[in-house]
Amino acid sequence: MRDFVLFAVFPYVACILAVLAGIYRYRHDRFSYSSFSSQFLENRRLFWGSVSWHYGILIILSAHVLAALFPRFWARLIAAPLQLYVLEVTGLALGVLVIVGLALLILRRLLNPRILVVTSAMDWVLLFVLFVQVLLGFWVALFYRWGADWYLYTVVPWLTSLVKLKPRIEYVAVLPWIVKAHILCGFLIITLFPFTRLVHVVTVPFSYLWRPFQVVIWNRRLPRREA
């Protein structure tokens, strides 16, 4: 019964809440759809933390999504032992990069009084959950080897069953508790999504790719020699 609630009910609740609360926030408080950047308060530590965090987590998430969307391609990719080994080592290295980046971002908020003042309670909740999630992911990658392989035959079929509205929890019910915690923490982040600054990921200005060129006219008086 517990596994049914956690792996057949909670994922739907998390996704539905994220969508509905996100739409409500966008319609009633559209200007809050932002990362609320504090870069102007302190830039150097933000750069190293932000770059390490964003590049590392984007690559890791892309690998998770790629395996879930294209399982046959992923199976061919990891069929050779050498390729599987390279993926595992790369994943561990990216895990270290993500942990270091997030730790720098947390230290930045703790050590800079100006940034600490503008850090809300939800910011701390989000940072804590994200840090727990990346630690769990690194732990799984380090002590439960060849995750790129068994993920394809356990978590991916379970996710597919959720999409089909026919959850089959037997795929994940047998996994170690640390792996289950990693999965559930991911859906917890989805639950927190509309209530935190994470909403900025859906505001990427894709329209800049096809917007017309902007003509900039300097409105200033030229020196007499230039005139």
Protein backbone atom coordinates (compact mmCIF):
# COMPACT_ATOMS: atom_id res chain seq x y z
CA MET A 1 0.00 0.00 0.00
CA ARG A 2 2.84 2.38 0.85
CA ASP A 3 4.57 1.75 -2.47
CA PHE A 4 1.27 2.29 -4.28
CA VAL A 5 0.78 5.70 -2.67
CA LEU A 6 4.38 6.75 -3.24
CA PHE A 7 4.88 5.49 -6.78
CA ALA A 8 1.37 5.38 -8.25
CA VAL A 9 -0.37 8.33 -6.60
CA PHE A 10 2.27 10.86 -5.54
CA PRO A 11 3.77 11.34 -9.06
CA TYR A 12 0.36 12.34 -10.45
CA VAL A 13 -0.32 14.65 -7.50
CA ALA A 14 3.07 16.31 -7.95
CA CYS A 15 2.63 16.90 -11.69
CA ILE A 16 -0.99 18.10 -11.44
CA LEU A 17 -0.11 20.48 -8.61
CA ALA A 18 2.89 21.82 -10.53
CA VAL A 19 0.81 22.54 -13.64
CA LEU A 20 -2.22 24.05 -11.91
CA ALA A 21 -0.28 26.13 -9.38
CA GLY A 22 2.13 27.24 -12.11
CA ILE A 23 -0.72 28.45 -14.31
CA TYR A 24 -2.36 30.22 -11.37
CA ARG A 25 0.88 31.97 -10.44
CA TYR A 26 1.50 33.03 -14.02
CA ARG A 27 -2.00 34.50 -14.39
CA HIS A 28 -2.06 36.32 -11.04
CA ASP A 29 1.60 37.17 -10.45
CA ARG A 30 3.29 37.05 -13.84
CA PHE A 31 6.22 39.26 -12.84
CA SER A 32 7.29 36.68 -10.25
CA TYR A 33 8.15 34.24 -13.07
CA SER A 34 11.84 35.00 -12.66
CA SER A 35 14.97 33.61 -11.08
CA PHE A 36 15.18 36.80 -8.96
CA SER A 37 18.86 37.05 -9.71
CA SER A 38 21.07 38.63 -7.06
CA GLN A 39 24.05 38.88 -9.39
CA PHE A 40 24.40 42.62 -8.88
CA LEU A 41 24.97 42.00 -5.16
CA GLU A 42 27.91 39.65 -5.65
CA ASN A 43 29.16 38.26 -8.94
CA ARG A 44 32.38 36.26 -8.58
CA ARG A 45 31.16 33.41 -6.37
CA LEU A 46 27.87 33.35 -8.26
CA PHE A 47 29.74 32.78 -11.53
CA TRP A 48 31.67 29.71 -10.39
CA GLY A 49 28.73 28.23 -8.52
CA SER A 50 26.15 28.96 -11.21
CA VAL A 51 28.25 27.70 -14.13
CA SER A 52 29.19 24.46 -12.33
CA TRP A 53 25.61 23.86 -11.20
CA HIS A 54 23.78 24.68 -14.43
CA TYR A 55 26.08 22.91 -16.88
CA GLY A 56 26.42 19.84 -14.67
CA ILE A 57 22.72 19.42 -13.88
CA LEU A 58 21.60 20.09 -17.45
CA ILE A 59 23.83 17.33 -18.83
CA ILE A 60 22.73 14.89 -16.12
CA LEU A 61 19.04 15.65 -16.65
CA SER A 62 19.48 15.38 -20.41
CA ALA A 63 20.89 11.86 -19.99
CA HIS A 64 17.92 10.85 -17.80
CA VAL A 65 15.42 12.26 -20.30
CA LEU A 66 17.23 10.79 -23.31
CA ALA A 67 17.09 7.28 -21.83
CA ALA A 68 13.40 7.68 -20.98
CA LEU A 69 12.36 9.05 -24.38
CA PHE A 70 14.58 6.89 -26.58
CA PRO A 71 15.19 3.62 -24.70
CA ARG A 72 16.23 1.65 -27.79
CA PHE A 73 18.83 4.22 -28.74
CA TRP A 74 20.08 4.30 -25.15
CA ALA A 75 20.27 0.50 -25.05
CA ARG A 76 22.45 0.50 -28.17
CA LEU A 77 24.58 3.29 -26.72
CA ILE A 78 25.44 1.38 -23.55
CA ALA A 79 25.65 -2.05 -25.19
CA ALA A 80 29.44 -1.86 -25.38
CA PRO A 81 31.12 -2.21 -21.95
CA LEU A 82 33.60 0.58 -22.74
CA GLN A 83 30.83 3.05 -23.59
CA LEU A 84 28.93 2.11 -20.43
CA TYR A 85 32.09 2.61 -18.37
CA VAL A 86 32.73 6.03 -19.94
CA LEU A 87 29.14 7.09 -19.20
CA GLU A 88 29.45 5.96 -15.58
CA VAL A 89 32.71 7.83 -15.02
CA THR A 90 31.34 10.92 -16.76
CA GLY A 91 28.23 10.80 -14.59
CA LEU A 92 30.31 10.64 -11.41
CA ALA A 93 32.46 13.57 -12.55
CA LEU A 94 29.37 15.63 -13.36
CA GLY A 95 27.92 14.69 -9.98
CA VAL A 96 30.97 16.13 -8.24
CA LEU A 97 30.70 19.27 -10.39
CA VAL A 98 27.03 19.71 -9.46
CA ILE A 99 27.67 19.21 -5.73
CA VAL A 100 30.53 21.73 -5.75
CA GLY A 101 28.48 24.26 -7.71
CA LEU A 102 25.44 24.01 -5.44
CA ALA A 103 27.63 24.15 -2.34
CA LEU A 104 29.20 27.38 -3.62
CA LEU A 105 25.75 28.87 -4.24
CA ILE A 106 24.65 27.97 -0.70
CA LEU A 107 27.86 29.35 0.83
CA ARG A 108 27.39 32.53 -1.17
CA ARG A 109 24.01 33.08 0.44
CA LEU A 110 25.30 32.24 3.91
CA LEU A 111 28.45 34.36 3.82
CA ASN A 112 27.13 37.50 2.13
CA PRO A 113 24.84 39.49 4.48
CA ARG A 114 23.26 41.42 1.59
CA ILE A 115 22.26 38.20 -0.16
CA LEU A 116 21.21 36.54 3.09
CA VAL A 117 18.67 39.31 3.68
CA VAL A 118 16.96 38.75 0.32
CA THR A 119 16.89 34.93 0.66
CA SER A 120 13.37 33.73 1.44
CA ALA A 121 12.31 30.66 3.39
CA MET A 122 11.28 28.93 0.16
CA ASP A 123 14.76 29.59 -1.23
CA TRP A 124 16.26 27.64 1.66
CA VAL A 125 13.71 24.83 1.28
CA LEU A 126 14.52 24.57 -2.42
CA LEU A 127 18.29 24.65 -1.87
CA PHE A 128 18.02 21.96 0.82
CA VAL A 129 15.89 19.65 -1.33
CA LEU A 130 18.15 20.16 -4.36
CA PHE A 131 21.26 19.44 -2.29
CA VAL A 132 19.70 16.27 -0.86
CA GLN A 133 18.70 15.20 -4.36
CA VAL A 134 22.17 15.62 -5.88
CA LEU A 135 23.76 13.83 -2.91
CA LEU A 136 21.33 10.93 -3.31
CA GLY A 137 22.08 10.81 -7.03
CA PHE A 138 25.83 10.78 -6.43
CA TRP A 139 25.43 8.07 -3.78
CA VAL A 140 23.42 5.91 -6.20
CA ALA A 141 25.97 6.43 -8.98
CA LEU A 142 28.87 5.58 -6.66
CA PHE A 143 27.53 2.52 -4.80
CA TYR A 144 24.99 1.10 -7.26
CA ARG A 145 27.12 0.78 -10.33
CA TRP A 146 25.96 0.61 -13.95
CA GLY A 147 22.92 2.75 -13.28
CA ALA A 148 22.81 3.74 -16.94
CA ASP A 149 21.90 0.10 -17.61
CA TRP A 150 19.48 -0.89 -14.83
CA TYR A 151 17.74 2.51 -14.98
CA LEU A 152 16.68 1.54 -18.50
CA TYR A 153 14.92 -1.64 -17.31
CA THR A 154 13.40 -0.41 -14.05
CA VAL A 155 12.67 3.31 -13.85
CA VAL A 156 12.03 3.86 -17.57
CA PRO A 157 9.26 1.20 -17.83
CA TRP A 158 7.72 2.59 -14.64
CA LEU A 159 7.72 6.13 -16.05
CA THR A 160 6.23 4.83 -19.29
CA SER A 161 3.45 3.15 -17.33
CA LEU A 162 2.72 6.44 -15.56
CA VAL A 163 2.39 8.22 -18.89
CA LYS A 164 -0.01 5.51 -20.06
CA LEU A 165 -2.06 6.01 -16.84
CA LYS A 166 -1.41 2.38 -15.92
CA PRO A 167 1.23 2.62 -13.16
CA ARG A 168 3.23 -0.56 -12.66
CA ILE A 169 4.98 -0.09 -9.36
CA GLU A 170 6.59 -3.55 -9.45
CA TYR A 171 9.39 -2.09 -11.56
CA VAL A 172 10.54 0.23 -8.75
CA ALA A 173 9.19 -1.52 -5.64
CA VAL A 174 12.18 -3.89 -5.63
CA LEU A 175 14.80 -1.14 -5.88
CA PRO A 176 16.98 -0.20 -2.86
CA TRP A 177 15.54 2.43 -0.54
CA ILE A 178 18.22 4.97 -1.49
CA VAL A 179 17.18 4.74 -5.15
CA LYS A 180 13.51 5.10 -4.16
CA ALA A 181 14.39 8.18 -2.12
CA HIS A 182 16.17 9.66 -5.14
CA ILE A 183 13.10 9.08 -7.32
CA LEU A 184 10.67 10.52 -4.78
CA CYS A 185 12.88 13.54 -4.15
CA GLY A 186 12.70 14.29 -7.86
CA PHE A 187 8.91 14.41 -7.72
CA LEU A 188 9.12 16.50 -4.55
CA ILE A 189 11.09 19.07 -6.56
CA ILE A 190 8.33 18.99 -9.19
CA THR A 191 5.84 19.69 -6.38
CA LEU A 192 7.86 22.69 -5.19
CA PHE A 193 8.35 23.94 -8.75
CA PRO A 194 5.47 26.50 -8.94
CA PHE A 195 6.18 27.90 -5.48
CA THR A 196 9.87 28.70 -5.96
CA ARG A 197 12.21 30.47 -8.36
CA LEU A 198 12.50 27.25 -10.34
CA VAL A 199 9.68 28.58 -12.52
CA HIS A 200 12.27 30.62 -14.39
CA VAL A 201 13.17 27.52 -16.43
CA VAL A 202 9.93 27.94 -18.42
CA THR A 203 10.67 31.57 -19.19
CA VAL A 204 13.70 31.03 -21.43
CA PRO A 205 13.33 33.72 -24.15
CA PHE A 206 13.06 31.38 -27.15
CA SER A 207 11.32 34.19 -29.07
CA TYR A 208 14.69 35.92 -29.39
CA LEU A 209 15.60 33.29 -32.00
CA TRP A 210 13.08 34.65 -34.52
CA ARG A 211 12.48 38.23 -33.41
CA PRO A 212 13.45 40.95 -35.95
CA PHE A 213 16.71 42.80 -35.64
CA GLN A 214 16.70 45.66 -33.21
CA VAL A 215 17.89 49.04 -34.40
CA VAL A 216 19.73 50.94 -31.67
CA ILE A 217 20.02 54.73 -32.00
CA TRP A 218 22.34 56.50 -29.60
CA ASN A 219 20.61 59.51 -28.11
CA ARG A 220 23.61 61.57 -27.09
CA ARG A 221 25.31 64.73 -28.24
CA LEU A 222 28.43 64.07 -30.29
CA PRO A 223 31.64 66.04 -29.67
CA ARG A 224 32.21 68.85 -32.15
CA ARG A 225 35.04 67.03 -33.91
CA GLU A 226 32.90 63.92 -34.54
CA ALA A 227 29.98 66.07 -35.67
